[in-house]
């Protein structure tokens, strides 16, 4: 009898006890932490992708948002010429 076992590398990460306790609460009983992280990452990805194009903004709303962003301290923002 032959058994094929594929070893996947592993990494250690450090998390606070508070984060660990929260993860334990959402982890399924038969789920590894790696499976939990993949599930959470996949759900996050789909939620973000679902949001693209979700807002139907008027030109005035777009202008107001852009004006607010460009007036903030810190980074210098430049409007893309992609849509022009």
C-alpha atoms as a PDB file:
ATOM      1  CA  UNK A   1       0.000   0.000   0.000  1.00  0.00           C
ATOM      2  CA  UNK A   2       1.330   3.397  -0.988  1.00  0.00           C
ATOM      3  CA  UNK A   3       0.203   6.675   0.539  1.00  0.00           C
ATOM      4  CA  UNK A   4       1.013   9.991  -1.107  1.00  0.00           C
ATOM      5  CA  UNK A   5       1.452  12.823   1.352  1.00  0.00           C
ATOM      6  CA  UNK A   6       2.122  16.276   0.036  1.00  0.00           C
ATOM      7  CA  UNK A   7       3.893  18.516   2.505  1.00  0.00           C
ATOM      8  CA  UNK A   8       3.039  22.155   2.235  1.00  0.00           C
ATOM      9  CA  UNK A   9       5.280  24.696   3.849  1.00  0.00           C
ATOM     10  CA  UNK A  10       4.112  26.524   6.885  1.00  0.00           C
ATOM     11  CA  UNK A  11       4.762  29.889   8.472  1.00  0.00           C
ATOM     12  CA  UNK A  12       4.376  31.038  12.034  1.00  0.00           C
ATOM     13  CA  UNK A  13       2.472  34.220  12.669  1.00  0.00           C
ATOM     14  CA  UNK A  14       2.017  36.170  15.853  1.00  0.00           C
ATOM     15  CA  UNK A  15      -1.422  37.365  16.918  1.00  0.00           C
ATOM     16  CA  UNK A  16      -2.747  38.778  20.145  1.00  0.00           C
ATOM     17  CA  UNK A  17      -4.801  36.625  22.453  1.00  0.00           C
ATOM     18  CA  UNK A  18      -7.811  38.828  21.741  1.00  0.00           C
ATOM     19  CA  UNK A  19      -7.553  38.126  17.997  1.00  0.00           C
ATOM     20  CA  UNK A  20      -7.034  34.412  18.664  1.00  0.00           C
ATOM     21  CA  UNK A  21     -10.189  34.274  20.811  1.00  0.00           C
ATOM     22  CA  UNK A  22     -12.204  36.012  18.075  1.00  0.00           C
ATOM     23  CA  UNK A  23     -10.893  33.597  15.453  1.00  0.00           C
ATOM     24  CA  UNK A  24     -11.782  30.599  17.624  1.00  0.00           C
ATOM     25  CA  UNK A  25     -15.379  31.852  17.813  1.00  0.00           C
ATOM     26  CA  UNK A  26     -15.790  31.952  14.022  1.00  0.00           C
ATOM     27  CA  UNK A  27     -13.727  28.856  13.218  1.00  0.00           C
ATOM     28  CA  UNK A  28     -15.779  25.802  12.280  1.00  0.00           C
ATOM     29  CA  UNK A  29     -15.243  22.712  14.403  1.00  0.00           C
ATOM     30  CA  UNK A  30     -13.642  20.652  11.632  1.00  0.00           C
ATOM     31  CA  UNK A  31     -11.762  23.591  10.084  1.00  0.00           C
ATOM     32  CA  UNK A  32      -8.041  24.291  10.370  1.00  0.00           C
ATOM     33  CA  UNK A  33      -6.810  27.831  10.861  1.00  0.00           C
ATOM     34  CA  UNK A  34      -5.446  27.790   7.312  1.00  0.00           C
ATOM     35  CA  UNK A  35      -8.894  26.840   6.016  1.00  0.00           C
ATOM     36  CA  UNK A  36     -10.453  29.555   8.173  1.00  0.00           C
ATOM     37  CA  UNK A  37      -8.090  32.196   6.780  1.00  0.00           C
ATOM     38  CA  UNK A  38      -8.783  31.071   3.217  1.00  0.00           C
ATOM     39  CA  UNK A  39     -12.524  31.208   3.833  1.00  0.00           C
ATOM     40  CA  UNK A  40     -12.272  34.706   5.289  1.00  0.00           C
ATOM     41  CA  UNK A  41     -10.014  35.927   2.496  1.00  0.00           C
ATOM     42  CA  UNK A  42     -12.292  34.498  -0.189  1.00  0.00           C
ATOM     43  CA  UNK A  43     -15.370  36.090   1.350  1.00  0.00           C
ATOM     44  CA  UNK A  44     -13.550  39.419   1.633  1.00  0.00           C
ATOM     45  CA  UNK A  45     -12.502  39.257  -2.015  1.00  0.00           C
ATOM     46  CA  UNK A  46     -16.012  38.538  -3.240  1.00  0.00           C
ATOM     47  CA  UNK A  47     -17.473  41.306  -1.076  1.00  0.00           C
ATOM     48  CA  UNK A  48     -15.036  43.833  -2.520  1.00  0.00           C
ATOM     49  CA  UNK A  49     -15.616  42.655  -6.079  1.00  0.00           C
ATOM     50  CA  UNK A  50     -19.385  42.850  -5.596  1.00  0.00           C
ATOM     51  CA  UNK A  51     -19.034  46.502  -4.581  1.00  0.00           C
ATOM     52  CA  UNK A  52     -17.338  47.632  -7.808  1.00  0.00           C
ATOM     53  CA  UNK A  53     -19.753  49.783  -9.754  1.00  0.00           C
ATOM     54  CA  UNK A  54     -22.366  49.545  -7.016  1.00  0.00           C
ATOM     55  CA  UNK A  55     -22.736  53.293  -6.648  1.00  0.00           C
ATOM     56  CA  UNK A  56     -24.516  55.214  -9.328  1.00  0.00           C
ATOM     57  CA  UNK A  57     -23.116  58.670  -8.593  1.00  0.00           C
ATOM     58  CA  UNK A  58     -24.098  61.871 -10.288  1.00  0.00           C
ATOM     59  CA  UNK A  59     -21.364  64.071 -11.733  1.00  0.00           C
ATOM     60  CA  UNK A  60     -21.869  66.479  -8.811  1.00  0.00           C
ATOM     61  CA  UNK A  61     -21.401  63.674  -6.257  1.00  0.00           C
ATOM     62  CA  UNK A  62     -18.249  62.481  -8.043  1.00  0.00           C
ATOM     63  CA  UNK A  63     -16.895  66.046  -8.038  1.00  0.00           C
ATOM     64  CA  UNK A  64     -17.698  66.502  -4.325  1.00  0.00           C
ATOM     65  CA  UNK A  65     -15.927  63.250  -3.419  1.00  0.00           C
ATOM     66  CA  UNK A  66     -12.896  64.072  -5.569  1.00  0.00           C
ATOM     67  CA  UNK A  67     -12.686  67.600  -4.114  1.00  0.00           C
ATOM     68  CA  UNK A  68     -12.779  66.170  -0.586  1.00  0.00           C
ATOM     69  CA  UNK A  69     -10.037  63.653  -1.347  1.00  0.00           C
ATOM     70  CA  UNK A  70      -7.712  66.122  -3.045  1.00  0.00           C
ATOM     71  CA  UNK A  71      -7.952  68.658  -0.217  1.00  0.00           C
ATOM     72  CA  UNK A  72      -6.786  66.222   2.462  1.00  0.00           C
ATOM     73  CA  UNK A  73      -3.380  66.618   4.061  1.00  0.00           C
ATOM     74  CA  UNK A  74      -0.612  64.184   3.197  1.00  0.00           C
ATOM     75  CA  UNK A  75      -0.363  62.593  -0.211  1.00  0.00           C
ATOM     76  CA  UNK A  76      -0.712  64.597  -3.354  1.00  0.00           C
ATOM     77  CA  UNK A  77      -3.531  63.202  -5.470  1.00  0.00           C
ATOM     78  CA  UNK A  78      -3.765  63.467  -9.208  1.00  0.00           C
ATOM     79  CA  UNK A  79      -6.828  62.643 -11.225  1.00  0.00           C
ATOM     80  CA  UNK A  80      -6.308  59.858 -13.739  1.00  0.00           C
ATOM     81  CA  UNK A  81      -6.826  60.633 -17.399  1.00  0.00           C
ATOM     82  CA  UNK A  82      -8.189  57.112 -17.819  1.00  0.00           C
ATOM     83  CA  UNK A  83     -11.812  58.207 -18.217  1.00  0.00           C
ATOM     84  CA  UNK A  84     -11.068  61.320 -20.243  1.00  0.00           C
END
